[in-house]
Amino acid sequence: MQIDYNTESPAPIVVQEIRYALALSIVKNLLENGVIDQENATKVTVALANLYGVNRRGI
């Protein structure tokens, strides 16, 4: 199987991973500032991973 690479733009999964990482950093800041608790932060990370189609990471 031949995979075509476009050097002008990243692969869609890479874009999704970056979006997830940015959203995860926001969730982490909310958790550290006491805006949300650990239980809700975990729920959000699962929901975001499903939304972006990536594997979930822990905070």
Protein backbone atom coordinates (compact mmCIF):
# COMPACT_ATOMS: atom_id res chain seq x y z
CA MET A 1 0.00 0.00 0.00
CA GLN A 2 1.37 3.37 -0.99
CA ILE A 3 0.77 6.32 1.30
CA ASP A 4 0.77 9.76 -0.24
CA TYR A 5 2.43 12.41 1.88
CA ASN A 6 1.67 16.09 1.64
CA THR A 7 4.56 18.14 2.96
CA GLU A 8 2.43 21.28 2.93
CA SER A 9 0.08 20.21 5.72
CA PRO A 10 0.15 17.66 8.56
CA ALA A 11 -1.87 14.47 8.53
CA PRO A 12 -5.44 14.85 9.87
CA ILE A 13 -4.70 12.62 12.88
CA VAL A 14 -1.79 14.88 13.82
CA VAL A 15 -4.11 17.89 13.73
CA GLN A 16 -6.58 16.03 15.95
CA GLU A 17 -3.80 15.11 18.41
CA ILE A 18 -2.73 18.76 18.60
CA ARG A 19 -6.30 19.92 19.20
CA TYR A 20 -6.69 17.30 21.92
CA ALA A 21 -3.43 18.36 23.57
CA LEU A 22 -4.55 21.99 23.62
CA ALA A 23 -7.94 21.10 25.08
CA LEU A 24 -6.26 18.86 27.64
CA SER A 25 -4.01 21.70 28.78
CA ILE A 26 -7.09 23.86 29.36
CA VAL A 27 -8.71 21.08 31.40
CA LYS A 28 -5.50 20.71 33.42
CA ASN A 29 -5.46 24.44 34.19
CA LEU A 30 -9.11 24.32 35.25
CA LEU A 31 -8.30 21.40 37.54
CA GLU A 32 -5.27 23.12 39.06
CA ASN A 33 -7.29 26.30 39.70
CA GLY A 34 -10.05 24.36 41.42
CA VAL A 35 -12.69 25.20 38.83
CA ILE A 36 -13.42 21.50 38.23
CA ASP A 37 -12.73 18.42 40.32
CA GLN A 38 -10.77 15.30 39.36
CA GLU A 39 -13.89 13.27 38.56
CA ASN A 40 -15.17 15.84 36.08
CA ALA A 41 -11.71 16.33 34.60
CA THR A 42 -11.53 12.61 33.89
CA LYS A 43 -14.96 12.66 32.27
CA VAL A 44 -13.93 15.60 30.10
CA THR A 45 -10.70 13.92 28.97
CA VAL A 46 -12.65 10.82 27.92
CA ALA A 47 -15.22 12.92 26.06
CA LEU A 48 -12.52 14.95 24.31
CA ALA A 49 -10.63 11.81 23.28
CA ASN A 50 -13.82 10.43 21.76
CA LEU A 51 -14.57 13.74 20.06
CA TYR A 52 -11.12 13.97 18.47
CA GLY A 53 -10.76 10.24 17.80
CA VAL A 54 -7.50 9.84 19.72
CA ASN A 55 -6.31 7.76 22.66
CA ARG A 56 -7.00 9.30 26.05
CA ARG A 57 -4.14 10.67 28.12
CA GLY A 58 -4.14 11.13 31.86
CA ILE A 59 -3.83 14.51 33.49
